[in-house]
PDB file of N, CA and C in Angstrom:
ATOM      1  N   MET A   1      -7.792  17.832  11.208  1.00  0.00           N
ATOM      2  CA  MET A   1      -7.502  18.023   9.926  1.00  0.00           C
ATOM      3  C   MET A   1      -8.420  18.598   9.012  1.00  0.00           C
ATOM      4  N   ALA A   2      -8.296  19.541   8.435  1.00  0.00           N
ATOM      5  CA  ALA A   2      -9.292  20.384   7.704  1.00  0.00           C
ATOM      6  C   ALA A   2      -9.657  19.444   6.390  1.00  0.00           C
ATOM      7  N   SER A   3     -11.051  19.132   6.108  1.00  0.00           N
ATOM      8  CA  SER A   3     -11.335  18.065   5.184  1.00  0.00           C
ATOM      9  C   SER A   3     -10.755  18.792   3.593  1.00  0.00           C
ATOM     10  N   GLY A   4     -10.326  17.792   2.893  1.00  0.00           N
ATOM     11  CA  GLY A   4     -10.147  18.247   1.385  1.00  0.00           C
ATOM     12  C   GLY A   4      -8.615  18.350   1.462  1.00  0.00           C
ATOM     13  N   ASP A   5      -7.759  18.973   2.349  1.00  0.00           N
ATOM     14  CA  ASP A   5      -6.370  19.259   1.972  1.00  0.00           C
ATOM     15  C   ASP A   5      -5.524  18.316   2.796  1.00  0.00           C
ATOM     16  N   LYS A   6      -5.832  17.536   3.565  1.00  0.00           N
ATOM     17  CA  LYS A   6      -5.123  16.316   4.057  1.00  0.00           C
ATOM     18  C   LYS A   6      -6.097  15.151   4.193  1.00  0.00           C
ATOM     19  N   VAL A   7      -5.212  13.977   4.103  1.00  0.00           N
ATOM     20  CA  VAL A   7      -5.735  12.846   4.448  1.00  0.00           C
ATOM     21  C   VAL A   7      -4.896  11.943   5.279  1.00  0.00           C
ATOM     22  N   ARG A   8      -5.379  10.906   5.876  1.00  0.00           N
ATOM     23  CA  ARG A   8      -4.464   9.896   6.587  1.00  0.00           C
ATOM     24  C   ARG A   8      -5.140   8.542   5.827  1.00  0.00           C
ATOM     25  N   ALA A   9      -3.938   7.843   5.659  1.00  0.00           N
ATOM     26  CA  ALA A   9      -4.301   6.426   5.177  1.00  0.00           C
ATOM     27  C   ALA A   9      -3.127   5.580   5.456  1.00  0.00           C
ATOM     28  N   SER A  10      -3.474   4.139   5.564  1.00  0.00           N
ATOM     29  CA  SER A  10      -2.702   3.107   5.416  1.00  0.00           C
ATOM     30  C   SER A  10      -2.487   2.209   4.244  1.00  0.00           C
ATOM     31  N   HIS A  11      -1.369   1.772   3.988  1.00  0.00           N
ATOM     32  CA  HIS A  11      -1.289   1.116   2.689  1.00  0.00           C
ATOM     33  C   HIS A  11      -0.536  -0.492   3.036  1.00  0.00           C
ATOM     34  N   ILE A  12      -0.697  -1.248   1.822  1.00  0.00           N
ATOM     35  CA  ILE A  12       0.065  -2.576   1.973  1.00  0.00           C
ATOM     36  C   ILE A  12       0.952  -2.336   0.441  1.00  0.00           C
ATOM     37  N   LEU A  13       2.279  -2.499   0.622  1.00  0.00           N
ATOM     38  CA  LEU A  13       2.952  -2.353  -0.624  1.00  0.00           C
ATOM     39  C   LEU A  13       3.711  -3.472  -0.856  1.00  0.00           C
ATOM     40  N   ILE A  14       3.393  -4.084  -2.281  1.00  0.00           N
ATOM     41  CA  ILE A  14       4.149  -5.169  -2.794  1.00  0.00           C
ATOM     42  C   ILE A  14       5.170  -4.410  -3.981  1.00  0.00           C
ATOM     43  N   LYS A  15       6.411  -4.831  -3.579  1.00  0.00           N
ATOM     44  CA  LYS A  15       7.304  -4.178  -4.641  1.00  0.00           C
ATOM     45  C   LYS A  15       7.417  -5.719  -5.641  1.00  0.00           C
ATOM     46  N   HIS A  16       8.085  -5.310  -6.773  1.00  0.00           N
ATOM     47  CA  HIS A  16       8.326  -6.417  -7.803  1.00  0.00           C
ATOM     48  C   HIS A  16       9.476  -5.698  -8.581  1.00  0.00           C
ATOM     49  N   GLU A  17       9.877  -6.634  -9.522  1.00  0.00           N
ATOM     50  CA  GLU A  17      10.846  -6.335 -10.646  1.00  0.00           C
ATOM     51  C   GLU A  17      10.953  -4.986 -11.279  1.00  0.00           C
ATOM     52  N   GLY A  18       9.873  -4.348 -11.348  1.00  0.00           N
ATOM     53  CA  GLY A  18       9.655  -3.026 -12.026  1.00  0.00           C
ATOM     54  C   GLY A  18       9.746  -1.911 -10.892  1.00  0.00           C
ATOM     55  N   SER A  19       9.764  -2.224  -9.697  1.00  0.00           N
ATOM     56  CA  SER A  19       9.781  -1.094  -8.941  1.00  0.00           C
ATOM     57  C   SER A  19      11.057  -0.425  -8.926  1.00  0.00           C
ATOM     58  N   ARG A  20      10.843   0.842  -8.653  1.00  0.00           N
ATOM     59  CA  ARG A  20      12.220   1.705  -8.684  1.00  0.00           C
ATOM     60  C   ARG A  20      13.323   1.308  -7.574  1.00  0.00           C
ATOM     61  N   ARG A  21      12.821   0.897  -6.342  1.00  0.00           N
ATOM     62  CA  ARG A  21      13.947   0.521  -5.515  1.00  0.00           C
ATOM     63  C   ARG A  21      13.635  -1.116  -5.043  1.00  0.00           C
ATOM     64  N   LYS A  22      14.615  -1.890  -5.314  1.00  0.00           N
ATOM     65  CA  LYS A  22      14.394  -3.377  -5.414  1.00  0.00           C
ATOM     66  C   LYS A  22      14.820  -3.858  -3.987  1.00  0.00           C
ATOM     67  N   ALA A  23      14.573  -3.076  -3.108  1.00  0.00           N
ATOM     68  CA  ALA A  23      14.951  -3.554  -1.813  1.00  0.00           C
ATOM     69  C   ALA A  23      13.615  -3.135  -0.760  1.00  0.00           C
ATOM     70  N   SER A  24      13.808  -3.772   0.473  1.00  0.00           N
ATOM     71  CA  SER A  24      12.990  -3.303   1.537  1.00  0.00           C
ATOM     72  C   SER A  24      13.080  -3.609   2.711  1.00  0.00           C
ATOM     73  N   TRP A  25      12.728  -3.312   3.875  1.00  0.00           N
ATOM     74  CA  TRP A  25      13.040  -3.675   5.161  1.00  0.00           C
ATOM     75  C   TRP A  25      12.997  -5.159   5.280  1.00  0.00           C
ATOM     76  N   LYS A  26      12.253  -5.905   4.686  1.00  0.00           N
ATOM     77  CA  LYS A  26      12.079  -7.286   4.975  1.00  0.00           C
ATOM     78  C   LYS A  26      12.885  -8.030   3.970  1.00  0.00           C
ATOM     79  N   ASP A  27      13.266  -7.374   2.800  1.00  0.00           N
ATOM     80  CA  ASP A  27      14.129  -7.912   1.942  1.00  0.00           C
ATOM     81  C   ASP A  27      15.362  -7.040   1.443  1.00  0.00           C
ATOM     82  N   PRO A  28      16.090  -6.855   2.271  1.00  0.00           N
ATOM     83  CA  PRO A  28      17.104  -5.880   2.191  1.00  0.00           C
ATOM     84  C   PRO A  28      17.980  -5.997   0.857  1.00  0.00           C
ATOM     85  N   GLU A  29      18.423  -7.099   0.689  1.00  0.00           N
ATOM     86  CA  GLU A  29      19.265  -7.614  -0.488  1.00  0.00           C
ATOM     87  C   GLU A  29      18.241  -7.459  -2.018  1.00  0.00           C
ATOM     88  N   GLY A  30      16.807  -7.476  -1.744  1.00  0.00           N
ATOM     89  CA  GLY A  30      16.250  -7.510  -3.170  1.00  0.00           C
ATOM     90  C   GLY A  30      15.973  -8.664  -3.743  1.00  0.00           C
ATOM     91  N   ARG A  31      16.148  -9.786  -3.053  1.00  0.00           N
ATOM     92  CA  ARG A  31      16.323 -11.203  -3.779  1.00  0.00           C
ATOM     93  C   ARG A  31      14.812 -11.461  -4.074  1.00  0.00           C
ATOM     94  N   VAL A  32      13.926 -11.268  -3.368  1.00  0.00           N
ATOM     95  CA  VAL A  32      12.514 -11.619  -3.448  1.00  0.00           C
ATOM     96  C   VAL A  32      11.831 -10.699  -4.353  1.00  0.00           C
ATOM     97  N   ILE A  33      12.290  -9.605  -4.275  1.00  0.00           N
ATOM     98  CA  ILE A  33      11.726  -8.476  -5.033  1.00  0.00           C
ATOM     99  C   ILE A  33      12.044  -8.516  -6.628  1.00  0.00           C
ATOM    100  N   MET A  34      13.268  -8.766  -6.793  1.00  0.00           N
ATOM    101  CA  MET A  34      13.736  -8.839  -8.106  1.00  0.00           C
ATOM    102  C   MET A  34      13.367 -10.191  -8.976  1.00  0.00           C
ATOM    103  N   ASN A  35      12.595 -11.019  -8.087  1.00  0.00           N
ATOM    104  CA  ASN A  35      12.058 -12.259  -8.574  1.00  0.00           C
ATOM    105  C   ASN A  35      10.594 -12.243  -8.707  1.00  0.00           C
ATOM    106  N   THR A  36      10.006 -11.090  -8.343  1.00  0.00           N
ATOM    107  CA  THR A  36       8.616 -10.993  -8.227  1.00  0.00           C
ATOM    108  C   THR A  36       7.949 -10.282  -9.365  1.00  0.00           C
ATOM    109  N   THR A  37       7.136 -10.792 -10.201  1.00  0.00           N
ATOM    110  CA  THR A  37       6.535 -10.154 -11.382  1.00  0.00           C
ATOM    111  C   THR A  37       5.570  -9.203 -11.073  1.00  0.00           C
ATOM    112  N   LYS A  38       5.188  -8.153 -11.645  1.00  0.00           N
ATOM    113  CA  LYS A  38       4.195  -7.184 -11.208  1.00  0.00           C
ATOM    114  C   LYS A  38       2.884  -8.092 -11.263  1.00  0.00           C
ATOM    115  N   GLU A  39       2.589  -8.995 -12.008  1.00  0.00           N
ATOM    116  CA  GLU A  39       1.460  -9.683 -12.115  1.00  0.00           C
ATOM    117  C   GLU A  39       1.242 -10.459 -10.832  1.00  0.00           C
ATOM    118  N   SER A  40       2.495 -11.070 -10.340  1.00  0.00           N
ATOM    119  CA  SER A  40       2.299 -11.842  -9.029  1.00  0.00           C
ATOM    120  C   SER A  40       1.982 -11.002  -7.713  1.00  0.00           C
ATOM    121  N   ALA A  41       2.772  -9.749  -7.837  1.00  0.00           N
ATOM    122  CA  ALA A  41       2.487  -8.686  -6.720  1.00  0.00           C
ATOM    123  C   ALA A  41       0.967  -8.290  -6.753  1.00  0.00           C
ATOM    124  N   ILE A  42       0.300  -7.918  -7.903  1.00  0.00           N
ATOM    125  CA  ILE A  42      -1.143  -7.683  -7.987  1.00  0.00           C
ATOM    126  C   ILE A  42      -1.933  -8.811  -7.706  1.00  0.00           C
ATOM    127  N   ALA A  43      -1.497 -10.107  -8.009  1.00  0.00           N
ATOM    128  CA  ALA A  43      -2.491 -11.184  -7.479  1.00  0.00           C
ATOM    129  C   ALA A  43      -2.465 -11.249  -6.083  1.00  0.00           C
ATOM    130  N   LYS A  44      -1.138 -10.951  -5.265  1.00  0.00           N
ATOM    131  CA  LYS A  44      -1.156 -11.152  -3.968  1.00  0.00           C
ATOM    132  C   LYS A  44      -1.919 -10.240  -3.315  1.00  0.00           C
ATOM    133  N   LEU A  45      -1.828  -8.893  -3.882  1.00  0.00           N
ATOM    134  CA  LEU A  45      -2.618  -7.824  -3.459  1.00  0.00           C
ATOM    135  C   LEU A  45      -4.418  -8.056  -3.622  1.00  0.00           C
ATOM    136  N   VAL A  46      -4.488  -8.475  -4.595  1.00  0.00           N
ATOM    137  CA  VAL A  46      -6.025  -8.773  -4.880  1.00  0.00           C
ATOM    138  C   VAL A  46      -6.670  -9.859  -3.918  1.00  0.00           C
ATOM    139  N   GLN A  47      -5.694 -10.889  -3.247  1.00  0.00           N
ATOM    140  CA  GLN A  47      -6.006 -11.957  -2.418  1.00  0.00           C
ATOM    141  C   GLN A  47      -6.205 -11.200  -1.141  1.00  0.00           C
ATOM    142  N   PHE A  48      -5.143 -10.379  -0.792  1.00  0.00           N
ATOM    143  CA  PHE A  48      -5.374  -9.621   0.687  1.00  0.00           C
ATOM    144  C   PHE A  48      -6.482  -8.973   0.750  1.00  0.00           C
ATOM    145  N   ARG A  49      -6.805  -8.184  -0.394  1.00  0.00           N
ATOM    146  CA  ARG A  49      -8.123  -7.169  -0.334  1.00  0.00           C
ATOM    147  C   ARG A  49      -9.217  -8.179  -0.262  1.00  0.00           C
ATOM    148  N   GLU A  50      -9.380  -9.139  -0.819  1.00  0.00           N
ATOM    149  CA  GLU A  50     -10.623  -9.995  -0.789  1.00  0.00           C
ATOM    150  C   GLU A  50     -10.693 -10.542   0.783  1.00  0.00           C
ATOM    151  N   ASP A  51      -9.424 -10.799   1.494  1.00  0.00           N
ATOM    152  CA  ASP A  51      -9.667 -11.248   2.849  1.00  0.00           C
ATOM    153  C   ASP A  51      -9.889 -10.395   3.612  1.00  0.00           C
ATOM    154  N   ILE A  52      -9.471  -9.235   3.556  1.00  0.00           N
ATOM    155  CA  ILE A  52      -9.907  -7.931   4.414  1.00  0.00           C
ATOM    156  C   ILE A  52     -11.353  -7.760   4.262  1.00  0.00           C
ATOM    157  N   LEU A  53     -11.865  -7.428   2.883  1.00  0.00           N
ATOM    158  CA  LEU A  53     -13.157  -7.195   2.875  1.00  0.00           C
ATOM    159  C   LEU A  53     -14.107  -8.397   3.212  1.00  0.00           C
ATOM    160  N   SER A  54     -13.758  -9.712   3.217  1.00  0.00           N
ATOM    161  CA  SER A  54     -14.634 -10.721   3.839  1.00  0.00           C
ATOM    162  C   SER A  54     -14.514 -10.844   5.271  1.00  0.00           C
ATOM    163  N   GLY A  55     -13.638 -10.084   5.874  1.00  0.00           N
ATOM    164  CA  GLY A  55     -13.498 -10.527   7.204  1.00  0.00           C
ATOM    165  C   GLY A  55     -12.456 -11.480   7.896  1.00  0.00           C
ATOM    166  N   LYS A  56     -11.757 -12.171   6.932  1.00  0.00           N
ATOM    167  CA  LYS A  56     -11.084 -13.022   7.119  1.00  0.00           C
ATOM    168  C   LYS A  56      -9.369 -12.646   7.878  1.00  0.00           C
ATOM    169  N   ALA A  57      -9.257 -11.403   7.565  1.00  0.00           N
ATOM    170  CA  ALA A  57      -8.064 -10.884   7.799  1.00  0.00           C
ATOM    171  C   ALA A  57      -8.146  -9.190   8.361  1.00  0.00           C
ATOM    172  N   LYS A  58      -7.293  -8.950   9.028  1.00  0.00           N
ATOM    173  CA  LYS A  58      -7.447  -7.389   9.238  1.00  0.00           C
ATOM    174  C   LYS A  58      -6.215  -6.571   8.393  1.00  0.00           C
ATOM    175  N   PHE A  59      -6.706  -5.429   8.076  1.00  0.00           N
ATOM    176  CA  PHE A  59      -5.816  -4.796   7.141  1.00  0.00           C
ATOM    177  C   PHE A  59      -4.347  -4.755   7.859  1.00  0.00           C
ATOM    178  N   GLU A  60      -4.499  -4.273   8.936  1.00  0.00           N
ATOM    179  CA  GLU A  60      -3.120  -3.813   9.781  1.00  0.00           C
ATOM    180  C   GLU A  60      -2.167  -5.010   9.939  1.00  0.00           C
ATOM    181  N   ASP A  61      -2.940  -6.247  10.253  1.00  0.00           N
ATOM    182  CA  ASP A  61      -2.243  -7.486  10.290  1.00  0.00           C
ATOM    183  C   ASP A  61      -1.582  -7.962   9.086  1.00  0.00           C
ATOM    184  N   ILE A  62      -2.250  -7.732   7.899  1.00  0.00           N
ATOM    185  CA  ILE A  62      -1.505  -8.139   6.663  1.00  0.00           C
ATOM    186  C   ILE A  62      -0.505  -7.244   6.065  1.00  0.00           C
ATOM    187  N   ALA A  63      -0.630  -5.731   6.639  1.00  0.00           N
ATOM    188  CA  ALA A  63       0.168  -4.669   6.273  1.00  0.00           C
ATOM    189  C   ALA A  63       1.723  -4.962   7.278  1.00  0.00           C
ATOM    190  N   SER A  64       1.510  -5.322   8.299  1.00  0.00           N
ATOM    191  CA  SER A  64       2.446  -5.822   9.373  1.00  0.00           C
ATOM    192  C   SER A  64       3.478  -6.949   8.747  1.00  0.00           C
ATOM    193  N   ARG A  65       2.797  -7.901   8.260  1.00  0.00           N
ATOM    194  CA  ARG A  65       3.304  -9.066   7.815  1.00  0.00           C
ATOM    195  C   ARG A  65       4.061  -9.003   6.537  1.00  0.00           C
ATOM    196  N   HIS A  66       3.142  -8.447   5.596  1.00  0.00           N
ATOM    197  CA  HIS A  66       3.589  -8.620   3.930  1.00  0.00           C
ATOM    198  C   HIS A  66       4.127  -7.177   3.306  1.00  0.00           C
ATOM    199  N   SER A  67       3.612  -6.168   3.848  1.00  0.00           N
ATOM    200  CA  SER A  67       3.946  -4.925   3.084  1.00  0.00           C
ATOM    201  C   SER A  67       5.411  -4.774   3.004  1.00  0.00           C
ATOM    202  N   ASP A  68       6.024  -4.467   1.897  1.00  0.00           N
ATOM    203  CA  ASP A  68       7.259  -3.965   1.630  1.00  0.00           C
ATOM    204  C   ASP A  68       7.794  -2.695   2.128  1.00  0.00           C
ATOM    205  N   CYS A  69       6.924  -1.800   2.547  1.00  0.00           N
ATOM    206  CA  CYS A  69       7.143  -0.101   3.133  1.00  0.00           C
ATOM    207  C   CYS A  69       7.300  -0.269   4.752  1.00  0.00           C
ATOM    208  N   SER A  70       8.343   0.528   5.102  1.00  0.00           N
ATOM    209  CA  SER A  70       8.677   0.415   6.478  1.00  0.00           C
ATOM    210  C   SER A  70       7.501   0.721   7.195  1.00  0.00           C
ATOM    211  N   SER A  71       6.347   1.348   6.898  1.00  0.00           N
ATOM    212  CA  SER A  71       5.114   1.838   7.427  1.00  0.00           C
ATOM    213  C   SER A  71       4.653   0.359   8.138  1.00  0.00           C
ATOM    214  N   ALA A  72       5.152  -0.821   7.583  1.00  0.00           N
ATOM    215  CA  ALA A  72       4.709  -2.173   8.126  1.00  0.00           C
ATOM    216  C   ALA A  72       4.709  -2.212   9.427  1.00  0.00           C
ATOM    217  N   LYS A  73       5.733  -1.597  10.207  1.00  0.00           N
ATOM    218  CA  LYS A  73       5.686  -1.485  11.405  1.00  0.00           C
ATOM    219  C   LYS A  73       4.818  -0.652  12.311  1.00  0.00           C
ATOM    220  N   ARG A  74       3.945   0.038  11.522  1.00  0.00           N
ATOM    221  CA  ARG A  74       2.726   0.687  12.232  1.00  0.00           C
ATOM    222  C   ARG A  74       1.581   0.169  11.412  1.00  0.00           C
ATOM    223  N   GLY A  75       1.419  -1.001  11.044  1.00  0.00           N
ATOM    224  CA  GLY A  75       0.222  -1.615  10.603  1.00  0.00           C
ATOM    225  C   GLY A  75       0.035  -0.883   9.038  1.00  0.00           C
ATOM    226  N   GLY A  76       1.153  -0.356   8.589  1.00  0.00           N
ATOM    227  CA  GLY A  76       0.806   0.360   7.180  1.00  0.00           C
ATOM    228  C   GLY A  76       0.554   1.804   7.175  1.00  0.00           C
ATOM    229  N   ASP A  77       0.213   2.445   8.445  1.00  0.00           N
ATOM    230  CA  ASP A  77      -0.086   3.770   8.673  1.00  0.00           C
ATOM    231  C   ASP A  77       0.973   4.684   8.111  1.00  0.00           C
ATOM    232  N   LEU A  78       0.652   5.492   7.180  1.00  0.00           N
ATOM    233  CA  LEU A  78       1.406   6.584   6.722  1.00  0.00           C
ATOM    234  C   LEU A  78       1.466   7.788   7.408  1.00  0.00           C
ATOM    235  N   GLY A  79       0.343   7.984   8.168  1.00  0.00           N
ATOM    236  CA  GLY A  79       0.143   9.261   8.825  1.00  0.00           C
ATOM    237  C   GLY A  79      -0.495  10.445   7.958  1.00  0.00           C
ATOM    238  N   PRO A  80      -0.813  11.383   8.496  1.00  0.00           N
ATOM    239  CA  PRO A  80      -1.425  12.509   7.341  1.00  0.00           C
ATOM    240  C   PRO A  80      -0.660  12.978   6.353  1.00  0.00           C
ATOM    241  N   PHE A  81      -1.314  13.254   5.188  1.00  0.00           N
ATOM    242  CA  PHE A  81      -0.183  13.852   4.093  1.00  0.00           C
ATOM    243  C   PHE A  81      -1.326  14.649   3.244  1.00  0.00           C
ATOM    244  N   GLY A  82      -0.601  15.652   2.490  1.00  0.00           N
ATOM    245  CA  GLY A  82      -1.532  16.562   1.727  1.00  0.00           C
ATOM    246  C   GLY A  82      -1.033  16.480   0.236  1.00  0.00           C
ATOM    247  N   ARG A  83      -1.819  17.295  -0.627  1.00  0.00           N
ATOM    248  CA  ARG A  83      -1.443  16.997  -2.019  1.00  0.00           C
ATOM    249  C   ARG A  83      -0.104  17.401  -2.225  1.00  0.00           C
ATOM    250  N   GLY A  84       0.477  16.687  -3.211  1.00  0.00           N
ATOM    251  CA  GLY A  84       2.081  16.736  -3.695  1.00  0.00           C
ATOM    252  C   GLY A  84       3.138  15.992  -2.825  1.00  0.00           C
ATOM    253  N   GLN A  85       2.604  15.021  -1.864  1.00  0.00           N
ATOM    254  CA  GLN A  85       3.483  14.646  -0.942  1.00  0.00           C
ATOM    255  C   GLN A  85       3.716  13.145  -1.577  1.00  0.00           C
ATOM    256  N   MET A  86       2.840  12.447  -2.130  1.00  0.00           N
ATOM    257  CA  MET A  86       2.950  11.182  -2.428  1.00  0.00           C
ATOM    258  C   MET A  86       3.115  11.027  -4.007  1.00  0.00           C
ATOM    259  N   GLN A  87       3.356  10.043  -4.670  1.00  0.00           N
ATOM    260  CA  GLN A  87       3.294   9.898  -5.970  1.00  0.00           C
ATOM    261  C   GLN A  87       1.906  10.087  -6.707  1.00  0.00           C
ATOM    262  N   LYS A  88       1.618  10.750  -7.625  1.00  0.00           N
ATOM    263  CA  LYS A  88       0.300  11.136  -8.077  1.00  0.00           C
ATOM    264  C   LYS A  88      -0.626  10.033  -7.976  1.00  0.00           C
ATOM    265  N   PRO A  89      -0.319   8.890  -8.531  1.00  0.00           N
ATOM    266  CA  PRO A  89      -1.350   7.779  -8.704  1.00  0.00           C
ATOM    267  C   PRO A  89      -1.796   7.473  -7.160  1.00  0.00           C
ATOM    268  N   PHE A  90      -1.012   7.384  -6.331  1.00  0.00           N
ATOM    269  CA  PHE A  90      -1.183   7.112  -4.629  1.00  0.00           C
ATOM    270  C   PHE A  90      -2.003   8.095  -4.356  1.00  0.00           C
ATOM    271  N   GLU A  91      -1.706   9.418  -4.536  1.00  0.00           N
ATOM    272  CA  GLU A  91      -2.480  10.666  -3.934  1.00  0.00           C
ATOM    273  C   GLU A  91      -3.852  10.598  -4.572  1.00  0.00           C
ATOM    274  N   ASP A  92      -3.986  10.296  -5.920  1.00  0.00           N
ATOM    275  CA  ASP A  92      -5.289  10.660  -6.597  1.00  0.00           C
ATOM    276  C   ASP A  92      -6.077   9.545  -5.846  1.00  0.00           C
ATOM    277  N   ALA A  93      -5.651   8.183  -5.765  1.00  0.00           N
ATOM    278  CA  ALA A  93      -6.363   7.112  -5.137  1.00  0.00           C
ATOM    279  C   ALA A  93      -6.940   7.319  -3.775  1.00  0.00           C
ATOM    280  N   THR A  94      -5.932   7.958  -3.005  1.00  0.00           N
ATOM    281  CA  THR A  94      -6.314   8.187  -1.562  1.00  0.00           C
ATOM    282  C   THR A  94      -7.219   9.043  -1.172  1.00  0.00           C
ATOM    283  N   PHE A  95      -7.121  10.300  -1.950  1.00  0.00           N
ATOM    284  CA  PHE A  95      -8.076  11.488  -2.093  1.00  0.00           C
ATOM    285  C   PHE A  95      -9.466  11.099  -2.611  1.00  0.00           C
ATOM    286  N   ALA A  96      -9.636  10.175  -3.518  1.00  0.00           N
ATOM    287  CA  ALA A  96     -10.924   9.678  -4.089  1.00  0.00           C
ATOM    288  C   ALA A  96     -11.439   8.776  -3.032  1.00  0.00           C
ATOM    289  N   LEU A  97     -10.966   8.237  -2.050  1.00  0.00           N
ATOM    290  CA  LEU A  97     -11.552   7.107  -1.227  1.00  0.00           C
ATOM    291  C   LEU A  97     -12.515   8.031  -0.064  1.00  0.00           C
ATOM    292  N   LYS A  98     -13.416   7.369   0.294  1.00  0.00           N
ATOM    293  CA  LYS A  98     -14.105   7.650   1.541  1.00  0.00           C
ATOM    294  C   LYS A  98     -13.313   7.207   2.726  1.00  0.00           C
ATOM    295  N   VAL A  99     -13.381   7.823   3.889  1.00  0.00           N
ATOM    296  CA  VAL A  99     -12.796   7.194   5.155  1.00  0.00           C
ATOM    297  C   VAL A  99     -13.514   5.653   5.301  1.00  0.00           C
ATOM    298  N   GLY A 100     -12.526   4.897   5.601  1.00  0.00           N
ATOM    299  CA  GLY A 100     -12.723   3.461   5.668  1.00  0.00           C
ATOM    300  C   GLY A 100     -12.813   2.743   4.501  1.00  0.00           C
ATOM    301  N   ASP A 101     -12.701   3.318   3.199  1.00  0.00           N
ATOM    302  CA  ASP A 101     -12.934   2.656   2.205  1.00  0.00           C
ATOM    303  C   ASP A 101     -11.381   2.046   1.634  1.00  0.00           C
ATOM    304  N   ILE A 102     -11.270   1.107   0.958  1.00  0.00           N
ATOM    305  CA  ILE A 102     -10.024   0.073   0.473  1.00  0.00           C
ATOM    306  C   ILE A 102     -10.199   0.454  -0.826  1.00  0.00           C
ATOM    307  N   SER A 103      -8.694   0.784  -1.305  1.00  0.00           N
ATOM    308  CA  SER A 103      -8.706   1.075  -2.969  1.00  0.00           C
ATOM    309  C   SER A 103      -8.657  -0.270  -3.793  1.00  0.00           C
ATOM    310  N   ASP A 104      -8.787  -0.326  -4.985  1.00  0.00           N
ATOM    311  CA  ASP A 104      -8.424  -1.325  -5.894  1.00  0.00           C
ATOM    312  C   ASP A 104      -6.996  -1.370  -5.953  1.00  0.00           C
ATOM    313  N   ILE A 105      -6.322  -2.112  -6.800  1.00  0.00           N
ATOM    314  CA  ILE A 105      -4.834  -2.129  -6.746  1.00  0.00           C
ATOM    315  C   ILE A 105      -4.378  -0.677  -7.583  1.00  0.00           C
ATOM    316  N   VAL A 106      -3.257  -0.014  -6.685  1.00  0.00           N
ATOM    317  CA  VAL A 106      -2.911   1.266  -7.344  1.00  0.00           C
ATOM    318  C   VAL A 106      -1.373   0.953  -7.739  1.00  0.00           C
ATOM    319  N   ASP A 107      -1.018   1.324  -8.815  1.00  0.00           N
ATOM    320  CA  ASP A 107       0.332   1.096  -9.156  1.00  0.00           C
ATOM    321  C   ASP A 107       1.188   2.265  -9.417  1.00  0.00           C
ATOM    322  N   THR A 108       2.239   2.272  -8.704  1.00  0.00           N
ATOM    323  CA  THR A 108       3.140   3.399  -8.820  1.00  0.00           C
ATOM    324  C   THR A 108       4.458   3.015  -8.862  1.00  0.00           C
ATOM    325  N   ASP A 109       5.424   3.776  -9.343  1.00  0.00           N
ATOM    326  CA  ASP A 109       6.984   3.699  -9.308  1.00  0.00           C
ATOM    327  C   ASP A 109       7.545   2.751  -8.229  1.00  0.00           C
ATOM    328  N   SER A 110       6.686   2.907  -7.119  1.00  0.00           N
ATOM    329  CA  SER A 110       7.251   2.024  -6.042  1.00  0.00           C
ATOM    330  C   SER A 110       6.818   0.552  -6.218  1.00  0.00           C
ATOM    331  N   GLY A 111       5.595   0.312  -6.391  1.00  0.00           N
ATOM    332  CA  GLY A 111       5.300  -0.919  -6.665  1.00  0.00           C
ATOM    333  C   GLY A 111       3.853  -0.857  -6.669  1.00  0.00           C
ATOM    334  N   ALA A 112       3.041  -1.952  -6.313  1.00  0.00           N
ATOM    335  CA  ALA A 112       1.501  -1.885  -6.205  1.00  0.00           C
ATOM    336  C   ALA A 112       1.258  -1.748  -4.564  1.00  0.00           C
ATOM    337  N   HIS A 113      -0.033  -1.190  -4.588  1.00  0.00           N
ATOM    338  CA  HIS A 113      -0.538  -1.304  -3.361  1.00  0.00           C
ATOM    339  C   HIS A 113      -1.806  -1.272  -3.162  1.00  0.00           C
ATOM    340  N   ILE A 114      -2.380  -1.331  -2.214  1.00  0.00           N
ATOM    341  CA  ILE A 114      -3.789  -1.256  -1.673  1.00  0.00           C
ATOM    342  C   ILE A 114      -3.793  -0.239  -0.468  1.00  0.00           C
ATOM    343  N   ILE A 115      -4.610   0.592  -0.428  1.00  0.00           N
ATOM    344  CA  ILE A 115      -4.674   1.876   0.459  1.00  0.00           C
ATOM    345  C   ILE A 115      -6.093   1.855   1.309  1.00  0.00           C
ATOM    346  N   LEU A 116      -5.801   2.033   2.447  1.00  0.00           N
ATOM    347  CA  LEU A 116      -7.017   1.988   3.385  1.00  0.00           C
ATOM    348  C   LEU A 116      -7.129   3.560   3.877  1.00  0.00           C
ATOM    349  N   ARG A 117      -7.823   4.340   3.526  1.00  0.00           N
ATOM    350  CA  ARG A 117      -8.201   5.822   3.994  1.00  0.00           C
ATOM    351  C   ARG A 117      -8.799   5.820   5.237  1.00  0.00           C
ATOM    352  N   THR A 118      -8.023   6.418   6.379  1.00  0.00           N
ATOM    353  CA  THR A 118      -8.428   6.444   7.716  1.00  0.00           C
ATOM    354  C   THR A 118      -8.839   7.705   8.317  1.00  0.00           C
ATOM    355  N   ALA A 119      -8.470   8.817   7.663  1.00  0.00           N
ATOM    356  CA  ALA A 119      -9.093  10.106   7.891  1.00  0.00           C
ATOM    357  C   ALA A 119      -9.020  11.069   6.815  1.00  0.00           C
TER     358      ALA A 119
END
């Protein structure tokens, strides 16, 4: 990958009542998502991020168990992507990270995320 034009990242997505699609691979009816506030989604991600940074948990393990994105099946891996392929806040946050860094909470129309830049 040429530096600057593509990145690779993994993420953990927690959907909430304000998400544009209120269903996921683990909640196909959207029952949990529709009863999750944005604040509680963010609180979950803050705890996950602390657990990862402290070494208590691995990013891939949390993504596999808790992410509302189908990328959970790959430990959160989204593969490589370039500019214009993701929602703008997600793209901006990912491109701003250094490889190996984990973002703060990133809010998009899909829900709340933490992002791990992998390449």
